[in-house]
Amino acid sequence: MVSACSSLNIATNTLEDDSATASNKNIQSGIISFENTHKTPYEASVFHTYFYGETIGTKDTIVGLAVIEANNEIHPPHQHAEEEYLYIVEGSGEWTLNGVKTPAKKGDVLYVAPWDVHGIFNTGNVPMKFFITRASSKGVEIKAPIDSSAADKK
């Protein structure tokens, strides 16, 4: 989720100034209450960030909860290098995974491999809530897939 937390400047489990980011501290064990999440508002949604930064074994880590108003999305389908899980806590909608649309309902989980195009749209009449965890391994380099059709033209 590129836009969900890209504006945050934190590297630990609490909001800190730029010196925390510069020191590259790992996220520490801890409990963050919903009331203490970092809230990023969008036009018809809000993203609550619980953890953002690095752990001992991961980088580009995000753990959060998105709340999307009826008939909206937090952003259009997108792709990124990080692996991601999305779990629908409340509401219903429609998943998009590599161009295929599938109904989404409470209790469903989506796993997204690196570079797969994915998204979720709230098709219901009430706010949808989904929990997200996203990260990359510090030990595994994930490269963008090679477009074989472009390579064939060379």
N, C-alpha and C. Protein backbone atom coordinates (compact mmCIF):
# COMPACT_ATOMS: atom_id res chain seq x y z
N MET A 1 0.83 -1.16 0.00
CA MET A 1 0.00 0.00 0.00
C MET A 1 0.88 1.23 0.00
N VAL A 2 1.20 1.69 -1.11
CA VAL A 2 2.15 2.79 -1.21
C VAL A 2 1.61 4.05 -0.54
N SER A 3 0.39 4.44 -0.82
CA SER A 3 -0.09 5.70 -0.31
C SER A 3 -0.57 5.64 1.12
N ALA A 4 -0.84 4.47 1.65
CA ALA A 4 -1.42 4.38 2.99
C ALA A 4 -0.53 4.98 4.06
N CYS A 5 0.76 4.83 3.94
CA CYS A 5 1.65 5.32 4.99
C CYS A 5 2.89 5.99 4.45
N SER A 6 2.91 6.31 3.19
CA SER A 6 4.14 6.84 2.61
C SER A 6 4.51 8.19 3.18
N SER A 7 3.56 8.91 3.78
CA SER A 7 3.88 10.22 4.31
C SER A 7 4.39 10.17 5.75
N LEU A 8 4.38 9.00 6.38
CA LEU A 8 4.85 8.89 7.75
C LEU A 8 6.36 8.99 7.81
N ASN A 9 6.86 9.57 8.87
CA ASN A 9 8.30 9.72 9.06
C ASN A 9 8.70 9.05 10.36
N ILE A 10 8.31 7.77 10.51
CA ILE A 10 8.61 7.08 11.75
C ILE A 10 9.30 5.76 11.47
N ALA A 11 10.08 5.28 12.41
CA ALA A 11 10.77 4.01 12.24
C ALA A 11 10.58 3.11 13.46
N THR A 12 9.81 3.54 14.43
CA THR A 12 9.54 2.72 15.60
C THR A 12 8.05 2.65 15.81
N ASN A 13 7.65 2.05 16.93
CA ASN A 13 6.22 1.86 17.15
C ASN A 13 5.52 3.09 17.70
N THR A 14 6.20 4.19 17.84
CA THR A 14 5.55 5.43 18.25
C THR A 14 6.03 6.54 17.33
N LEU A 15 5.25 7.60 17.23
CA LEU A 15 5.66 8.73 16.41
C LEU A 15 6.84 9.42 17.06
N GLU A 16 7.87 9.66 16.26
CA GLU A 16 9.06 10.34 16.76
C GLU A 16 9.53 11.32 15.70
N ASP A 17 10.54 12.11 16.05
CA ASP A 17 11.06 13.07 15.09
C ASP A 17 11.99 12.39 14.09
N ASP A 18 12.57 13.17 13.19
CA ASP A 18 13.42 12.63 12.14
C ASP A 18 14.66 11.93 12.68
N SER A 19 15.10 12.24 13.90
CA SER A 19 16.29 11.59 14.43
C SER A 19 16.05 10.09 14.64
N ALA A 20 14.81 9.69 14.94
CA ALA A 20 14.50 8.26 15.08
C ALA A 20 14.62 7.57 13.74
N THR A 21 14.17 8.23 12.68
CA THR A 21 14.28 7.65 11.35
C THR A 21 15.75 7.54 10.96
N ALA A 22 16.53 8.56 11.26
CA ALA A 22 17.93 8.56 10.89
C ALA A 22 18.71 7.47 11.63
N SER A 23 18.33 7.17 12.85
CA SER A 23 19.05 6.16 13.61
C SER A 23 18.65 4.75 13.21
N ASN A 24 17.59 4.61 12.42
CA ASN A 24 17.16 3.33 11.86
C ASN A 24 16.86 2.29 12.94
N LYS A 25 16.20 2.71 14.02
CA LYS A 25 15.81 1.80 15.08
C LYS A 25 14.79 0.80 14.57
N ASN A 26 14.83 -0.40 15.14
CA ASN A 26 13.81 -1.40 14.83
C ASN A 26 12.55 -1.11 15.62
N ILE A 27 11.42 -1.54 15.07
CA ILE A 27 10.17 -1.51 15.82
C ILE A 27 10.39 -2.35 17.07
N GLN A 28 9.96 -1.84 18.20
CA GLN A 28 10.12 -2.55 19.46
C GLN A 28 8.85 -3.29 19.83
N SER A 29 8.99 -4.37 20.59
CA SER A 29 7.83 -5.08 21.10
C SER A 29 6.97 -4.08 21.87
N GLY A 30 5.68 -4.17 21.69
CA GLY A 30 4.82 -3.25 22.40
C GLY A 30 3.37 -3.40 21.99
N ILE A 31 2.52 -2.69 22.67
CA ILE A 31 1.09 -2.70 22.40
C ILE A 31 0.68 -1.28 22.07
N ILE A 32 -0.01 -1.12 20.96
CA ILE A 32 -0.52 0.19 20.54
C ILE A 32 -2.04 0.11 20.58
N SER A 33 -2.68 0.98 21.32
CA SER A 33 -4.14 1.00 21.34
C SER A 33 -4.66 1.73 20.11
N PHE A 34 -5.89 1.41 19.75
CA PHE A 34 -6.50 2.06 18.59
C PHE A 34 -6.48 3.57 18.73
N GLU A 35 -6.71 4.06 19.93
CA GLU A 35 -6.73 5.51 20.18
C GLU A 35 -5.38 6.17 19.93
N ASN A 36 -4.30 5.39 20.00
CA ASN A 36 -2.95 5.94 19.84
C ASN A 36 -2.34 5.69 18.47
N THR A 37 -3.13 5.20 17.52
CA THR A 37 -2.59 5.00 16.17
C THR A 37 -2.35 6.34 15.49
N HIS A 38 -1.47 6.32 14.51
CA HIS A 38 -1.28 7.50 13.65
C HIS A 38 -2.37 7.46 12.61
N LYS A 39 -3.17 8.52 12.50
CA LYS A 39 -4.30 8.54 11.58
C LYS A 39 -3.97 9.35 10.33
N THR A 40 -4.11 8.71 9.17
CA THR A 40 -3.90 9.38 7.89
C THR A 40 -5.24 9.46 7.18
N PRO A 41 -5.83 10.66 7.08
CA PRO A 41 -7.14 10.79 6.42
C PRO A 41 -7.01 10.85 4.90
N TYR A 42 -8.00 10.29 4.24
CA TYR A 42 -8.14 10.36 2.79
C TYR A 42 -9.53 10.90 2.51
N GLU A 43 -9.87 11.07 1.25
CA GLU A 43 -11.17 11.67 0.88
C GLU A 43 -12.35 10.92 1.50
N ALA A 44 -12.36 9.61 1.43
CA ALA A 44 -13.49 8.82 1.94
C ALA A 44 -13.01 7.66 2.80
N SER A 45 -11.86 7.84 3.47
CA SER A 45 -11.33 6.77 4.30
C SER A 45 -10.30 7.34 5.26
N VAL A 46 -9.88 6.48 6.18
CA VAL A 46 -8.79 6.85 7.10
C VAL A 46 -7.96 5.59 7.33
N PHE A 47 -6.63 5.77 7.42
CA PHE A 47 -5.73 4.66 7.69
C PHE A 47 -5.13 4.87 9.07
N HIS A 48 -5.26 3.87 9.93
CA HIS A 48 -4.72 3.90 11.30
C HIS A 48 -3.45 3.05 11.32
N THR A 49 -2.30 3.68 11.51
CA THR A 49 -1.03 2.96 11.52
C THR A 49 -0.66 2.59 12.95
N TYR A 50 -0.48 1.29 13.17
CA TYR A 50 -0.02 0.79 14.47
C TYR A 50 1.50 0.73 14.51
N PHE A 51 2.11 0.13 13.51
CA PHE A 51 3.56 0.01 13.44
C PHE A 51 4.02 0.34 12.03
N TYR A 52 5.19 0.98 11.93
CA TYR A 52 5.74 1.36 10.64
C TYR A 52 7.26 1.42 10.77
N GLY A 53 7.98 0.77 9.88
CA GLY A 53 9.44 0.84 9.91
C GLY A 53 10.07 -0.51 9.66
N GLU A 54 11.06 -0.85 10.49
CA GLU A 54 11.79 -2.10 10.35
C GLU A 54 11.67 -2.93 11.62
N THR A 55 11.75 -4.25 11.44
CA THR A 55 11.88 -5.17 12.56
C THR A 55 13.24 -5.83 12.44
N ILE A 56 13.52 -6.79 13.26
CA ILE A 56 14.80 -7.49 13.17
C ILE A 56 14.98 -8.11 11.79
N GLY A 57 13.92 -8.71 11.24
CA GLY A 57 14.04 -9.42 9.97
C GLY A 57 13.34 -8.79 8.78
N THR A 58 12.60 -7.67 8.99
CA THR A 58 11.87 -7.07 7.88
C THR A 58 12.15 -5.58 7.74
N LYS A 59 11.84 -5.07 6.56
CA LYS A 59 11.91 -3.64 6.29
C LYS A 59 10.61 -3.23 5.61
N ASP A 60 10.38 -1.94 5.52
CA ASP A 60 9.16 -1.41 4.88
C ASP A 60 7.91 -2.04 5.48
N THR A 61 7.92 -2.22 6.79
CA THR A 61 6.83 -2.88 7.50
C THR A 61 5.73 -1.89 7.85
N ILE A 62 4.50 -2.30 7.58
CA ILE A 62 3.33 -1.52 7.97
C ILE A 62 2.32 -2.48 8.59
N VAL A 63 1.77 -2.09 9.72
CA VAL A 63 0.66 -2.80 10.34
C VAL A 63 -0.39 -1.75 10.64
N GLY A 64 -1.60 -1.95 10.10
CA GLY A 64 -2.61 -0.92 10.30
C GLY A 64 -4.02 -1.39 10.03
N LEU A 65 -4.94 -0.47 10.19
CA LEU A 65 -6.36 -0.71 9.97
C LEU A 65 -6.89 0.41 9.08
N ALA A 66 -7.52 0.02 7.98
CA ALA A 66 -8.14 1.00 7.08
C ALA A 66 -9.65 0.99 7.30
N VAL A 67 -10.25 2.16 7.29
CA VAL A 67 -11.70 2.30 7.36
C VAL A 67 -12.12 3.05 6.10
N ILE A 68 -12.93 2.38 5.27
CA ILE A 68 -13.34 2.95 3.98
C ILE A 68 -14.84 3.17 3.99
N GLU A 69 -15.27 4.37 3.68
CA GLU A 69 -16.69 4.68 3.61
C GLU A 69 -17.36 3.91 2.47
N ALA A 70 -18.69 3.78 2.56
CA ALA A 70 -19.47 3.06 1.55
C ALA A 70 -19.19 3.59 0.15
N ASN A 71 -19.14 2.68 -0.81
CA ASN A 71 -18.97 3.01 -2.23
C ASN A 71 -17.68 3.79 -2.51
N ASN A 72 -16.58 3.37 -1.85
CA ASN A 72 -15.29 4.05 -2.01
C ASN A 72 -14.15 3.06 -1.87
N GLU A 73 -12.93 3.56 -2.09
CA GLU A 73 -11.70 2.81 -1.88
C GLU A 73 -10.67 3.74 -1.28
N ILE A 74 -9.65 3.18 -0.64
CA ILE A 74 -8.60 4.01 -0.08
C ILE A 74 -7.69 4.53 -1.19
N HIS A 75 -7.51 3.72 -2.23
CA HIS A 75 -6.79 4.11 -3.44
C HIS A 75 -7.04 3.03 -4.49
N PRO A 76 -6.81 3.32 -5.75
CA PRO A 76 -7.05 2.33 -6.81
C PRO A 76 -6.10 1.13 -6.68
N PRO A 77 -6.41 0.03 -7.38
CA PRO A 77 -5.49 -1.12 -7.38
C PRO A 77 -4.07 -0.68 -7.73
N HIS A 78 -3.11 -1.32 -7.08
CA HIS A 78 -1.72 -0.92 -7.17
C HIS A 78 -0.82 -2.14 -6.98
N GLN A 79 0.49 -1.94 -7.02
CA GLN A 79 1.44 -3.02 -6.80
C GLN A 79 2.67 -2.48 -6.10
N HIS A 80 3.39 -3.37 -5.42
CA HIS A 80 4.62 -2.99 -4.72
C HIS A 80 5.45 -4.24 -4.45
N ALA A 81 6.68 -4.05 -4.02
CA ALA A 81 7.61 -5.16 -3.80
C ALA A 81 7.32 -5.94 -2.52
N GLU A 82 6.61 -5.34 -1.58
CA GLU A 82 6.38 -5.99 -0.30
C GLU A 82 5.26 -7.03 -0.38
N GLU A 83 5.38 -8.09 0.42
CA GLU A 83 4.28 -9.04 0.59
C GLU A 83 3.25 -8.40 1.52
N GLU A 84 1.99 -8.79 1.34
CA GLU A 84 0.94 -8.13 2.11
C GLU A 84 -0.21 -9.09 2.40
N TYR A 85 -0.81 -8.91 3.58
CA TYR A 85 -2.04 -9.62 3.95
C TYR A 85 -3.09 -8.57 4.31
N LEU A 86 -4.31 -8.78 3.83
CA LEU A 86 -5.44 -7.92 4.19
C LEU A 86 -6.55 -8.80 4.74
N TYR A 87 -7.10 -8.42 5.89
CA TYR A 87 -8.15 -9.18 6.56
C TYR A 87 -9.35 -8.26 6.76
N ILE A 88 -10.52 -8.65 6.25
CA ILE A 88 -11.71 -7.82 6.41
C ILE A 88 -12.33 -8.05 7.78
N VAL A 89 -12.35 -7.00 8.59
CA VAL A 89 -12.88 -7.04 9.94
C VAL A 89 -14.38 -6.77 9.94
N GLU A 90 -14.82 -5.82 9.13
CA GLU A 90 -16.23 -5.44 9.03
C GLU A 90 -16.53 -5.00 7.61
N GLY A 91 -17.77 -5.27 7.18
CA GLY A 91 -18.22 -4.78 5.89
C GLY A 91 -18.04 -5.79 4.77
N SER A 92 -18.24 -5.29 3.56
CA SER A 92 -18.11 -6.14 2.37
C SER A 92 -17.67 -5.27 1.20
N GLY A 93 -17.20 -5.94 0.16
CA GLY A 93 -16.72 -5.19 -0.98
C GLY A 93 -16.31 -6.10 -2.11
N GLU A 94 -15.28 -5.64 -2.81
CA GLU A 94 -14.80 -6.38 -3.97
C GLU A 94 -13.28 -6.30 -4.00
N TRP A 95 -12.65 -7.49 -4.00
CA TRP A 95 -11.20 -7.57 -4.18
C TRP A 95 -10.87 -7.40 -5.64
N THR A 96 -9.72 -6.87 -5.94
CA THR A 96 -9.12 -6.93 -7.27
C THR A 96 -7.76 -7.59 -7.07
N LEU A 97 -7.51 -8.66 -7.81
CA LEU A 97 -6.21 -9.33 -7.74
C LEU A 97 -5.80 -9.70 -9.16
N ASN A 98 -4.78 -9.00 -9.66
CA ASN A 98 -4.27 -9.22 -11.01
C ASN A 98 -5.39 -9.15 -12.06
N GLY A 99 -6.24 -8.15 -11.92
CA GLY A 99 -7.28 -7.89 -12.91
C GLY A 99 -8.58 -8.66 -12.69
N VAL A 100 -8.60 -9.59 -11.74
CA VAL A 100 -9.80 -10.39 -11.48
C VAL A 100 -10.51 -9.81 -10.26
N LYS A 101 -11.80 -9.54 -10.41
CA LYS A 101 -12.60 -9.02 -9.31
C LYS A 101 -13.36 -10.17 -8.65
N THR A 102 -13.35 -10.17 -7.30
CA THR A 102 -13.96 -11.23 -6.51
C THR A 102 -14.68 -10.60 -5.33
N PRO A 103 -15.87 -11.11 -4.96
CA PRO A 103 -16.56 -10.57 -3.78
C PRO A 103 -15.68 -10.70 -2.53
N ALA A 104 -15.78 -9.72 -1.63
CA ALA A 104 -15.02 -9.70 -0.38
C ALA A 104 -16.00 -9.52 0.77
N LYS A 105 -15.83 -10.30 1.82
CA LYS A 105 -16.74 -10.20 2.96
C LYS A 105 -15.98 -10.34 4.27
N LYS A 106 -16.62 -10.01 5.36
CA LYS A 106 -16.05 -10.11 6.70
C LYS A 106 -15.45 -11.50 6.90
N GLY A 107 -14.22 -11.52 7.40
CA GLY A 107 -13.53 -12.77 7.67
C GLY A 107 -12.61 -13.23 6.55
N ASP A 108 -12.72 -12.65 5.36
CA ASP A 108 -11.86 -13.01 4.23
C ASP A 108 -10.44 -12.44 4.44
N VAL A 109 -9.46 -13.18 3.92
CA VAL A 109 -8.07 -12.73 3.95
C VAL A 109 -7.51 -12.79 2.53
N LEU A 110 -6.81 -11.75 2.13
CA LEU A 110 -6.13 -11.70 0.85
C LEU A 110 -4.63 -11.72 1.12
N TYR A 111 -3.90 -12.63 0.49
CA TYR A 111 -2.44 -12.60 0.48
C TYR A 111 -2.02 -12.06 -0.86
N VAL A 112 -1.05 -11.15 -0.86
CA VAL A 112 -0.56 -10.54 -2.09
C VAL A 112 0.94 -10.78 -2.18
N ALA A 113 1.37 -11.48 -3.22
CA ALA A 113 2.79 -11.69 -3.48
C ALA A 113 3.40 -10.41 -4.07
N PRO A 114 4.70 -10.24 -3.98
CA PRO A 114 5.33 -9.06 -4.55
C PRO A 114 4.93 -8.83 -6.01
N TRP A 115 4.63 -7.59 -6.33
CA TRP A 115 4.31 -7.08 -7.66
C TRP A 115 2.94 -7.50 -8.21
N ASP A 116 2.13 -8.25 -7.43
CA ASP A 116 0.77 -8.54 -7.89
C ASP A 116 -0.07 -7.28 -7.74
N VAL A 117 -0.89 -6.99 -8.73
CA VAL A 117 -1.77 -5.82 -8.70
C VAL A 117 -2.99 -6.17 -7.86
N HIS A 118 -3.28 -5.35 -6.86
CA HIS A 118 -4.35 -5.67 -5.92
C HIS A 118 -5.03 -4.40 -5.40
N GLY A 119 -6.24 -4.60 -4.89
CA GLY A 119 -6.98 -3.51 -4.30
C GLY A 119 -8.27 -4.02 -3.69
N ILE A 120 -8.97 -3.13 -3.01
CA ILE A 120 -10.26 -3.47 -2.44
C ILE A 120 -11.16 -2.25 -2.51
N PHE A 121 -12.42 -2.48 -2.85
CA PHE A 121 -13.41 -1.43 -2.99
C PHE A 121 -14.59 -1.77 -2.10
N ASN A 122 -15.08 -0.81 -1.31
CA ASN A 122 -16.22 -1.02 -0.45
C ASN A 122 -17.49 -0.86 -1.28
N THR A 123 -18.14 -1.97 -1.58
CA THR A 123 -19.39 -1.95 -2.35
C THR A 123 -20.61 -1.92 -1.44
N GLY A 124 -20.40 -1.97 -0.13
CA GLY A 124 -21.50 -2.02 0.82
C GLY A 124 -22.08 -0.65 1.15
N ASN A 125 -23.04 -0.66 2.08
CA ASN A 125 -23.71 0.57 2.52
C ASN A 125 -23.18 1.09 3.84
N VAL A 126 -22.22 0.39 4.43
CA VAL A 126 -21.64 0.79 5.71
C VAL A 126 -20.12 0.83 5.55
N PRO A 127 -19.42 1.49 6.48
CA PRO A 127 -17.96 1.51 6.39
C PRO A 127 -17.38 0.10 6.43
N MET A 128 -16.32 -0.11 5.65
CA MET A 128 -15.58 -1.37 5.65
C MET A 128 -14.30 -1.13 6.44
N LYS A 129 -13.94 -2.11 7.26
CA LYS A 129 -12.68 -2.06 7.99
C LYS A 129 -11.85 -3.26 7.58
N PHE A 130 -10.59 -3.01 7.23
CA PHE A 130 -9.69 -4.13 6.97
C PHE A 130 -8.34 -3.89 7.62
N PHE A 131 -7.78 -4.97 8.14
CA PHE A 131 -6.50 -4.96 8.82
C PHE A 131 -5.43 -5.35 7.80
N ILE A 132 -4.30 -4.69 7.85
CA ILE A 132 -3.24 -4.93 6.88
C ILE A 132 -1.91 -5.13 7.58
N THR A 133 -1.14 -6.05 7.06
CA THR A 133 0.26 -6.19 7.45
C THR A 133 1.07 -6.37 6.17
N ARG A 134 2.13 -5.58 6.06
CA ARG A 134 2.94 -5.59 4.85
C ARG A 134 4.41 -5.47 5.25
N ALA A 135 5.28 -6.21 4.57
CA ALA A 135 6.72 -6.13 4.87
C ALA A 135 7.53 -6.78 3.77
N SER A 136 8.82 -6.45 3.75
CA SER A 136 9.82 -7.11 2.91
C SER A 136 10.86 -7.70 3.83
N SER A 137 11.42 -8.81 3.42
CA SER A 137 12.50 -9.44 4.18
C SER A 137 13.78 -8.64 3.98
N LYS A 138 14.56 -8.51 5.03
CA LYS A 138 15.86 -7.85 4.90
C LYS A 138 16.85 -8.73 4.15
N GLY A 139 16.58 -10.04 4.07
CA GLY A 139 17.52 -10.95 3.45
C GLY A 139 17.16 -11.41 2.05
N VAL A 140 16.01 -10.99 1.54
CA VAL A 140 15.57 -11.43 0.22
C VAL A 140 15.30 -10.21 -0.65
N GLU A 141 16.03 -10.07 -1.75
CA GLU A 141 15.80 -8.96 -2.66
C GLU A 141 14.66 -9.33 -3.60
N ILE A 142 13.67 -8.46 -3.69
CA ILE A 142 12.52 -8.68 -4.56
C ILE A 142 12.63 -7.72 -5.73
N LYS A 143 12.82 -8.25 -6.92
CA LYS A 143 12.93 -7.43 -8.12
C LYS A 143 11.60 -7.43 -8.86
N ALA A 144 11.33 -6.35 -9.55
CA ALA A 144 10.13 -6.27 -10.38
C ALA A 144 10.21 -7.31 -11.48
N PRO A 145 9.09 -7.92 -11.81
CA PRO A 145 9.12 -8.93 -12.88
C PRO A 145 9.52 -8.30 -14.21
N ILE A 146 10.18 -9.11 -15.02
CA ILE A 146 10.59 -8.66 -16.35
C ILE A 146 9.40 -8.82 -17.28
N ASP A 147 9.11 -7.78 -18.02
CA ASP A 147 8.01 -7.83 -19.01
C ASP A 147 8.54 -8.57 -20.23
N SER A 148 8.16 -9.85 -20.36
CA SER A 148 8.67 -10.68 -21.45
C SER A 148 8.29 -10.16 -22.82
N SER A 149 7.14 -9.48 -22.91
CA SER A 149 6.74 -8.94 -24.22
C SER A 149 7.70 -7.83 -24.65
N ALA A 150 8.21 -7.05 -23.69
CA ALA A 150 9.16 -6.00 -24.03
C ALA A 150 10.51 -6.60 -24.42
N ALA A 151 10.89 -7.70 -23.72
CA ALA A 151 12.17 -8.34 -24.03
C ALA A 151 12.15 -8.99 -25.41
N ASP A 152 10.99 -9.49 -25.83
CA ASP A 152 10.88 -10.13 -27.14
C ASP A 152 11.04 -9.14 -28.28
N LYS A 153 10.78 -7.86 -28.03
CA LYS A 153 10.83 -6.83 -29.07
C LYS A 153 12.24 -6.33 -29.32
N LYS A 154 13.19 -6.71 -28.44
CA LYS A 154 14.58 -6.22 -28.58
C LYS A 154 15.33 -6.97 -29.64
